[in-house]
């Protein structure tokens, strides 16, 4: 993925708000696809 272990730990720990590109690179790194969906209604 081209990043440090501490950056991965922050990402996995939910301590950062990553860009879509960072999430895509992470998904590739763990052998998955990234799918982004916008859902009407609901709350975070």
N, C-alpha and C. Protein backbone atom coordinates (compact mmCIF):
# COMPACT_ATOMS: atom_id res chain seq x y z
N UNK A 1 0.83 -1.19 0.00
CA UNK A 1 0.00 0.00 0.00
C UNK A 1 0.86 1.24 0.00
N UNK A 2 2.13 1.12 0.38
CA UNK A 2 3.02 2.27 0.35
C UNK A 2 2.84 3.22 1.51
N UNK A 3 2.57 2.69 2.69
CA UNK A 3 2.40 3.54 3.87
C UNK A 3 2.96 2.83 5.10
N UNK A 4 2.98 3.52 6.20
CA UNK A 4 3.58 2.96 7.41
C UNK A 4 2.57 2.12 8.20
N UNK A 5 3.11 1.27 9.05
CA UNK A 5 2.27 0.43 9.90
C UNK A 5 1.44 1.30 10.83
N UNK A 6 2.01 2.40 11.33
CA UNK A 6 1.26 3.27 12.24
C UNK A 6 0.09 3.95 11.52
N UNK A 7 0.27 4.29 10.25
CA UNK A 7 -0.83 4.88 9.48
C UNK A 7 -1.95 3.87 9.26
N UNK A 8 -1.58 2.62 9.02
CA UNK A 8 -2.57 1.55 8.87
C UNK A 8 -3.32 1.36 10.19
N UNK A 9 -2.61 1.39 11.30
CA UNK A 9 -3.24 1.22 12.61
C UNK A 9 -4.23 2.35 12.88
N UNK A 10 -3.88 3.58 12.52
CA UNK A 10 -4.81 4.71 12.71
C UNK A 10 -6.06 4.52 11.85
N UNK A 11 -5.86 4.06 10.62
CA UNK A 11 -6.99 3.80 9.71
C UNK A 11 -7.89 2.71 10.28
N UNK A 12 -7.30 1.60 10.67
CA UNK A 12 -8.07 0.47 11.20
C UNK A 12 -8.72 0.80 12.54
N UNK A 13 -8.10 1.70 13.30
CA UNK A 13 -8.65 2.08 14.60
C UNK A 13 -9.70 3.17 14.54
N UNK A 14 -9.96 3.68 13.33
CA UNK A 14 -10.99 4.71 13.17
C UNK A 14 -10.57 6.08 13.67
N UNK A 15 -9.26 6.32 13.75
CA UNK A 15 -8.77 7.59 14.27
C UNK A 15 -8.49 8.62 13.18
N UNK A 16 -8.81 8.30 11.93
CA UNK A 16 -8.60 9.23 10.82
C UNK A 16 -9.83 9.23 9.93
N UNK A 17 -9.96 10.25 9.10
CA UNK A 17 -10.99 10.32 8.07
C UNK A 17 -10.29 10.20 6.73
N UNK A 18 -10.11 8.98 6.25
CA UNK A 18 -9.32 8.77 5.03
C UNK A 18 -10.04 9.22 3.77
N UNK A 19 -9.27 9.53 2.75
CA UNK A 19 -9.84 9.85 1.44
C UNK A 19 -10.34 8.56 0.79
N UNK A 20 -11.14 8.72 -0.24
CA UNK A 20 -11.61 7.56 -0.99
C UNK A 20 -10.42 6.84 -1.61
N UNK A 21 -9.44 7.57 -2.08
CA UNK A 21 -8.25 6.94 -2.67
C UNK A 21 -7.51 6.10 -1.64
N UNK A 22 -7.39 6.60 -0.42
CA UNK A 22 -6.73 5.82 0.64
C UNK A 22 -7.53 4.55 0.93
N UNK A 23 -8.84 4.66 0.99
CA UNK A 23 -9.67 3.47 1.22
C UNK A 23 -9.54 2.48 0.07
N UNK A 24 -9.45 2.98 -1.17
CA UNK A 24 -9.28 2.11 -2.32
C UNK A 24 -7.96 1.36 -2.24
N UNK A 25 -6.89 2.08 -1.89
CA UNK A 25 -5.57 1.45 -1.77
C UNK A 25 -5.57 0.41 -0.65
N UNK A 26 -6.24 0.71 0.44
CA UNK A 26 -6.34 -0.24 1.54
C UNK A 26 -7.08 -1.50 1.08
N UNK A 27 -8.20 -1.31 0.39
CA UNK A 27 -8.97 -2.44 -0.11
C UNK A 27 -8.13 -3.32 -1.02
N UNK A 28 -7.39 -2.72 -1.93
CA UNK A 28 -6.51 -3.48 -2.82
C UNK A 28 -5.47 -4.23 -1.99
N UNK A 29 -4.94 -3.57 -0.97
CA UNK A 29 -3.91 -4.18 -0.13
C UNK A 29 -4.38 -5.41 0.63
N UNK A 30 -5.67 -5.43 0.96
CA UNK A 30 -6.21 -6.59 1.69
C UNK A 30 -6.99 -7.53 0.78
N UNK A 31 -6.88 -7.28 -0.54
CA UNK A 31 -7.51 -8.18 -1.50
C UNK A 31 -9.01 -8.04 -1.64
N UNK A 32 -9.51 -6.83 -1.42
CA UNK A 32 -10.96 -6.58 -1.50
C UNK A 32 -11.24 -5.46 -2.49
N UNK A 33 -12.53 -5.23 -2.76
CA UNK A 33 -12.96 -4.11 -3.58
C UNK A 33 -13.56 -3.05 -2.66
N UNK A 34 -13.49 -1.81 -3.09
CA UNK A 34 -14.15 -0.72 -2.35
C UNK A 34 -15.43 -0.37 -3.09
N UNK A 35 -16.53 -0.35 -2.35
CA UNK A 35 -17.80 0.08 -2.91
C UNK A 35 -18.34 1.20 -2.03
N UNK A 36 -18.66 2.32 -2.65
CA UNK A 36 -19.19 3.48 -1.93
C UNK A 36 -20.66 3.62 -2.32
N UNK A 37 -21.52 3.77 -1.33
CA UNK A 37 -22.95 3.93 -1.59
C UNK A 37 -23.47 5.13 -0.81
N UNK A 38 -24.35 5.87 -1.44
CA UNK A 38 -25.04 6.97 -0.78
C UNK A 38 -26.46 6.50 -0.50
N UNK A 39 -26.85 6.54 0.78
CA UNK A 39 -28.15 6.02 1.19
C UNK A 39 -28.99 7.16 1.75
N UNK A 40 -30.21 7.27 1.27
CA UNK A 40 -31.10 8.32 1.75
C UNK A 40 -31.61 7.98 3.15
N UNK A 41 -31.77 9.02 3.96
CA UNK A 41 -32.33 8.84 5.29
C UNK A 41 -31.34 8.23 6.26
N UNK A 42 -31.83 7.95 7.43
CA UNK A 42 -30.97 7.34 8.44
C UNK A 42 -30.02 8.33 9.07
N UNK A 43 -29.23 7.82 9.98
CA UNK A 43 -28.24 8.64 10.68
C UNK A 43 -26.92 7.92 10.68
N UNK A 44 -25.87 8.64 11.01
CA UNK A 44 -24.55 8.03 11.13
C UNK A 44 -24.65 7.08 12.25
